[in-house]
Amino acid sequence: MNNYRFVLKYIIVGSMGSGKSSILCRFIEDEFYEEISHTIGIEFSTKILNIGTEQVKIQIWDTAGQEKFRAVTRSYYRGASCVLLVYDTSRRSTLNESRVWLQDAKKYCGSETIFILIGNKIDFTEREVTYEEGKKFAEENGLEYIETSAKTGQNVSDVFLNTASRIYRNLSEGTWKLKTTETIDEEKLKQDKQTEESKKPKSGGCC
């Protein structure tokens, strides 16, 4: 019997190399890998969070940043509780490309979905995008904003814990009406992932 009350679906999107998979690894495993293979298609992880006296399960979908996988990513937006749009603060091009990912996300997600813009890799000494520029982009596009470092772990857990707490509160109060049980066949997804894994080399311990 499941002990968690709600299942929340998160999807992580953004340009290739922005650190999406590293953020996921830091949150799920509390690990960082200097060398990590690019996501092909969709990767999937879950974690149980304690919120007050309750538990919630979050399903986290890590998407590929290559243009050719955008069509695949679109099919996973439906039912998302939260979209994490990640860019690399040391590469301005990844912030500019965020507009494309955001357009897709807003088109296919519901009106209740929370959108967070994440400026990652703030441990880098040289930045191309300042905090003020990232925040301005977020405000202009109706997003919340936070900066993280998957390498040091700064703010990574906060992104998930704070949003999950808010979503949980909204669901508990009845102001949101998201489904409370899994809408995804996790066993089938694991089988598909194993098939995909056999086709590619891999380094590090996470996707």
Protein backbone atom coordinates (compact mmCIF):
# COMPACT_ATOMS: atom_id res chain seq x y z
CA MET A 1 0.00 0.00 0.00
CA ASN A 2 1.32 3.46 -0.90
CA ASN A 3 2.05 5.72 2.04
CA TYR A 4 2.16 8.93 0.04
CA ARG A 5 -0.90 11.08 -0.46
CA PHE A 6 -0.13 12.83 -3.74
CA VAL A 7 2.00 12.17 -6.81
CA LEU A 8 3.51 15.31 -8.34
CA LYS A 9 4.96 15.39 -11.82
CA TYR A 10 8.01 17.57 -12.48
CA ILE A 11 9.61 18.08 -15.88
CA ILE A 12 13.08 19.58 -16.38
CA VAL A 13 13.70 21.31 -19.71
CA GLY A 14 16.34 23.53 -21.25
CA SER A 15 19.23 23.59 -23.69
CA MET A 16 21.81 20.82 -23.92
CA GLY A 17 24.61 21.21 -21.42
CA SER A 18 22.73 23.53 -19.07
CA GLY A 19 23.04 21.02 -16.21
CA LYS A 20 19.55 19.51 -16.08
CA SER A 21 20.75 15.97 -15.39
CA SER A 22 23.29 17.21 -12.85
CA ILE A 23 20.53 19.00 -10.94
CA LEU A 24 18.52 15.79 -10.92
CA CYS A 25 21.53 13.77 -9.72
CA ARG A 26 22.23 16.25 -6.96
CA PHE A 27 18.65 16.10 -5.74
CA ILE A 28 18.10 12.34 -6.04
CA GLU A 29 21.54 11.03 -5.08
CA ASP A 30 23.23 14.09 -3.54
CA GLU A 31 26.07 13.46 -5.99
CA PHE A 32 27.82 15.44 -8.72
CA TYR A 33 29.69 13.91 -11.64
CA GLU A 34 32.24 15.94 -13.58
CA GLU A 35 31.58 13.81 -16.65
CA ILE A 36 28.00 12.97 -17.45
CA SER A 37 26.43 11.77 -20.68
CA HIS A 38 23.77 13.84 -22.42
CA THR A 39 20.18 12.70 -21.94
CA ILE A 40 18.70 10.91 -24.94
CA GLY A 41 14.93 11.34 -25.12
CA ILE A 42 13.56 11.21 -21.57
CA GLU A 43 15.04 10.02 -18.27
CA PHE A 44 12.91 9.36 -15.20
CA SER A 45 13.43 9.37 -11.42
CA THR A 46 11.23 9.42 -8.35
CA LYS A 47 11.63 10.53 -4.76
CA ILE A 48 9.44 10.55 -1.68
CA LEU A 49 9.37 13.85 0.23
CA ASN A 50 8.18 14.46 3.76
CA ILE A 51 5.98 17.54 3.98
CA GLY A 52 4.75 18.13 7.48
CA THR A 53 3.23 14.87 8.65
CA GLU A 54 2.49 13.68 5.12
CA GLN A 55 4.52 12.15 2.30
CA VAL A 56 4.31 13.02 -1.38
CA LYS A 57 5.92 11.26 -4.30
CA ILE A 58 7.47 13.31 -7.06
CA GLN A 59 8.08 11.96 -10.54
CA ILE A 60 10.89 13.90 -12.21
CA TRP A 61 11.29 13.82 -15.98
CA ASP A 62 14.70 14.88 -17.27
CA THR A 63 14.48 15.81 -20.95
CA ALA A 64 17.01 15.97 -23.76
CA GLY A 65 18.18 19.44 -24.72
CA GLN A 66 18.71 18.72 -28.41
CA GLU A 67 16.28 20.22 -30.90
CA LYS A 68 15.54 16.83 -32.46
CA PHE A 69 13.99 15.60 -29.18
CA ARG A 70 11.59 18.52 -28.69
CA ALA A 71 8.70 16.58 -30.19
CA VAL A 72 9.30 13.77 -27.69
CA THR A 73 9.42 16.22 -24.80
CA ARG A 74 6.08 17.81 -25.74
CA SER A 75 4.22 14.60 -25.01
CA TYR A 76 5.35 14.68 -21.37
CA TYR A 77 4.13 18.17 -20.42
CA ARG A 78 0.55 17.10 -19.84
CA GLY A 79 -0.29 16.77 -16.16
CA ALA A 80 2.92 18.45 -14.98
CA SER A 81 2.72 20.07 -11.56
CA CYS A 82 5.95 21.99 -12.07
CA VAL A 83 8.23 22.85 -15.00
CA LEU A 84 11.87 23.63 -14.23
CA LEU A 85 13.40 25.62 -17.09
CA VAL A 86 17.18 25.45 -16.73
CA TYR A 87 19.85 27.59 -18.37
CA ASP A 88 23.60 27.92 -17.87
CA THR A 89 24.60 31.28 -16.38
CA SER A 90 27.98 30.99 -18.08
CA ARG A 91 26.40 30.76 -21.56
CA ARG A 92 24.00 33.51 -22.60
CA SER A 93 22.83 31.46 -25.57
CA THR A 94 21.11 28.99 -23.24
CA LEU A 95 19.00 31.77 -21.73
CA ASN A 96 18.04 33.01 -25.19
CA GLU A 97 17.05 29.48 -26.18
CA SER A 98 14.84 29.24 -23.09
CA ARG A 99 12.14 31.14 -24.95
CA VAL A 100 11.61 28.17 -27.27
CA TRP A 101 11.32 25.67 -24.42
CA LEU A 102 9.02 27.99 -22.52
CA GLN A 103 6.73 28.41 -25.52
CA ASP A 104 6.26 24.65 -25.75
CA ALA A 105 5.80 24.23 -22.01
CA LYS A 106 3.11 26.89 -21.72
CA LYS A 107 1.32 25.49 -24.75
CA TYR A 108 1.04 21.96 -23.41
CA CYS A 109 0.91 22.44 -19.62
CA GLY A 110 -2.19 23.27 -17.59
CA SER A 111 -3.02 26.65 -16.10
CA GLU A 112 -2.09 25.48 -12.58
CA THR A 113 1.45 24.40 -13.47
CA ILE A 114 4.24 26.22 -11.63
CA PHE A 115 7.07 27.49 -13.85
CA ILE A 116 10.53 28.06 -12.37
CA LEU A 117 13.46 29.54 -14.29
CA ILE A 118 16.73 28.15 -12.93
CA GLY A 119 20.07 29.82 -13.56
CA ASN A 120 22.49 26.94 -13.03
CA LYS A 121 26.30 26.72 -12.69
CA ILE A 122 26.68 29.76 -10.45
CA ASP A 123 29.84 28.13 -9.08
CA PHE A 124 31.56 29.22 -12.32
CA THR A 125 33.73 32.27 -11.78
CA GLU A 126 32.89 33.79 -15.16
CA ARG A 127 29.27 34.55 -15.92
CA GLU A 128 27.66 35.75 -19.12
CA VAL A 129 24.25 36.31 -17.48
CA THR A 130 23.94 38.32 -14.29
CA TYR A 131 21.43 37.58 -11.57
CA GLU A 132 19.54 40.76 -12.51
CA GLU A 133 19.31 39.71 -16.16
CA GLY A 134 18.01 36.26 -15.27
CA LYS A 135 15.44 37.68 -12.89
CA LYS A 136 14.31 40.23 -15.47
CA PHE A 137 13.82 37.48 -18.07
CA ALA A 138 11.78 35.51 -15.54
CA GLU A 139 9.58 38.46 -14.61
CA GLU A 140 8.96 39.37 -18.26
CA ASN A 141 7.77 35.82 -18.94
CA GLY A 142 5.76 35.22 -15.78
CA LEU A 143 8.26 32.85 -14.19
CA GLU A 144 9.70 32.49 -10.73
CA TYR A 145 13.49 32.68 -10.54
CA ILE A 146 16.24 30.97 -8.58
CA GLU A 147 19.92 30.29 -9.15
CA THR A 148 21.60 26.97 -8.37
CA SER A 149 24.85 25.07 -8.48
CA ALA A 150 24.48 21.36 -9.09
CA LYS A 151 28.18 21.03 -8.30
CA THR A 152 27.99 22.48 -4.78
CA GLY A 153 24.31 21.68 -4.23
CA GLN A 154 23.40 25.32 -3.56
CA ASN A 155 19.63 25.83 -3.69
CA VAL A 156 18.96 22.53 -5.52
CA SER A 157 16.92 20.87 -2.78
CA ASP A 158 15.13 24.15 -2.10
CA VAL A 159 13.75 24.19 -5.64
CA PHE A 160 11.99 20.86 -5.17
CA LEU A 161 11.05 21.11 -1.50
CA ASN A 162 9.58 24.62 -1.73
CA THR A 163 7.53 23.94 -4.84
CA ALA A 164 6.33 20.56 -3.58
CA SER A 165 5.20 22.15 -0.32
CA ARG A 166 3.22 24.80 -2.20
CA ILE A 167 1.62 22.27 -4.52
CA TYR A 168 0.78 20.01 -1.60
CA ARG A 169 -0.87 22.91 0.24
CA ASN A 170 -2.93 23.84 -2.83
CA LEU A 171 -4.05 20.25 -3.34
CA SER A 172 -4.90 19.81 0.33
CA GLU A 173 -6.94 23.01 0.35
CA GLY A 174 -8.76 21.99 -2.81
CA THR A 175 -7.59 24.96 -4.88
CA TRP A 176 -5.84 22.54 -7.26
CA LYS A 177 -7.39 19.46 -8.75
CA LEU A 178 -4.41 17.50 -10.03
CA LYS A 179 -4.67 13.71 -10.05
CA THR A 180 -3.48 12.05 -6.85
CA THR A 181 -2.30 8.76 -8.35
CA GLU A 182 0.29 7.91 -10.96
CA THR A 183 -0.78 8.53 -14.54
CA ILE A 184 2.36 6.88 -15.92
CA ASP A 185 3.14 3.19 -16.30
CA GLU A 186 6.47 3.26 -14.44
CA GLU A 187 7.30 -0.37 -15.18
CA LYS A 188 6.90 0.15 -18.92
CA LEU A 189 9.01 3.30 -18.71
CA LYS A 190 11.78 1.41 -16.91
CA GLN A 191 11.77 -1.24 -19.62
CA ASP A 192 11.97 1.43 -22.32
CA LYS A 193 14.82 3.11 -20.44
CA GLN A 194 16.77 -0.15 -20.18
CA THR A 195 16.39 -0.64 -23.92
CA GLU A 196 17.64 2.89 -24.54
CA GLU A 197 20.53 2.42 -22.10
CA SER A 198 21.80 -0.55 -24.08
CA LYS A 199 22.24 1.70 -27.11
CA LYS A 200 24.51 4.34 -25.58
CA PRO A 201 27.73 4.62 -23.57
CA LYS A 202 27.43 6.07 -20.11
CA SER A 203 29.68 7.67 -17.51
CA GLY A 204 28.91 8.69 -13.97
CA GLY A 205 26.13 7.34 -11.81
CA CYS A 206 23.18 9.34 -13.04
CA CYS A 207 21.56 10.32 -16.30
